[in-house]
Amino acid sequence: MDIKDFELVEFYITLGEEGINITIQGNVFSVSTTKKGLEDEIISKIELEAKKRHPRICFKFYQRVGIHNYEYQAL
């Protein structure tokens, strides 16, 4: 599975009592959380970081969602 092939990538993260469902396909990112206000915070953070020359995203994130040989491209 590789996100570069536009395949659907889904994963679920549990942080304490919070559950986060994340879906990525092509250039579409979707997030669903138990606490709805958290969705906006996550999306805002990703949008903010994506605009930076050097985004602060965990280096393991790309491999975990199927992005191999990651190169940053400005939006």
Protein backbone atom coordinates (compact mmCIF):
# COMPACT_ATOMS: atom_id res chain seq x y z
CA MET A 1 0.00 0.00 0.00
CA ASP A 2 1.41 3.39 -1.01
CA ILE A 3 -0.33 6.73 -0.72
CA LYS A 4 1.44 7.87 -3.90
CA ASP A 5 -0.68 5.34 -5.81
CA PHE A 6 -3.80 7.14 -4.50
CA GLU A 7 -4.85 4.07 -2.55
CA LEU A 8 -7.12 4.54 0.44
CA VAL A 9 -5.16 4.65 3.69
CA GLU A 10 -7.14 4.40 6.94
CA PHE A 11 -5.97 4.21 10.52
CA TYR A 12 -7.28 4.62 14.04
CA ILE A 13 -5.38 6.23 16.90
CA THR A 14 -6.30 5.99 20.58
CA LEU A 15 -5.01 8.66 22.96
CA GLY A 16 -6.38 7.97 26.43
CA GLU A 17 -10.15 8.09 26.06
CA GLU A 18 -9.98 9.87 22.70
CA GLY A 19 -10.38 7.93 19.46
CA ILE A 20 -9.20 9.42 16.17
CA ASN A 21 -10.16 7.97 12.76
CA ILE A 22 -8.00 9.20 9.88
CA THR A 23 -8.48 8.56 6.18
CA ILE A 24 -6.17 9.69 3.38
CA GLN A 25 -6.74 9.09 -0.33
CA GLY A 26 -5.15 11.05 -3.13
CA ASN A 27 -5.13 14.65 -1.99
CA VAL A 28 -8.03 14.22 0.47
CA PHE A 29 -7.47 14.01 4.23
CA SER A 30 -10.34 13.20 6.59
CA VAL A 31 -10.33 13.10 10.39
CA SER A 32 -13.07 12.12 12.82
CA THR A 33 -12.75 12.32 16.60
CA THR A 34 -14.88 11.65 19.64
CA LYS A 35 -14.52 15.30 20.72
CA LYS A 36 -15.59 17.28 17.64
CA GLY A 37 -13.56 20.38 18.56
CA LEU A 38 -10.42 18.30 18.29
CA GLU A 39 -11.06 17.67 14.57
CA ASP A 40 -10.68 21.39 13.82
CA GLU A 41 -7.47 21.57 15.86
CA ILE A 42 -5.90 18.62 14.01
CA ILE A 43 -6.86 19.95 10.58
CA SER A 44 -5.62 23.47 11.44
CA LYS A 45 -2.29 22.08 12.65
CA ILE A 46 -1.78 20.00 9.50
CA GLU A 47 -2.70 22.96 7.27
CA LEU A 48 -0.28 25.20 9.19
CA GLU A 49 2.58 22.70 9.02
CA ALA A 50 1.98 21.88 5.34
CA LYS A 51 2.64 25.52 4.42
CA LYS A 52 6.05 25.54 6.11
CA ARG A 53 9.27 24.83 4.27
CA HIS A 54 10.17 22.28 6.97
CA PRO A 55 6.93 20.92 8.48
CA ARG A 56 7.09 19.63 12.07
CA ILE A 57 5.45 16.26 11.58
CA CYS A 58 6.73 13.07 13.19
CA PHE A 59 9.30 11.55 10.83
CA LYS A 60 7.64 8.13 11.19
CA PHE A 61 4.23 9.48 10.07
CA TYR A 62 5.02 9.30 6.36
CA GLN A 63 6.06 5.63 6.42
CA ARG A 64 3.10 4.65 8.58
CA VAL A 65 0.63 6.04 6.05
CA GLY A 66 2.48 4.56 3.08
CA ILE A 67 4.49 7.55 1.89
CA HIS A 68 7.91 6.33 0.81
CA ASN A 69 10.79 8.56 -0.33
CA TYR A 70 8.99 11.64 1.05
CA GLU A 71 9.84 14.99 -0.49
CA TYR A 72 8.11 18.16 0.69
CA GLN A 73 6.08 20.00 -1.94
CA ALA A 74 4.45 23.34 -1.18
CA LEU A 75 0.69 23.50 -1.57
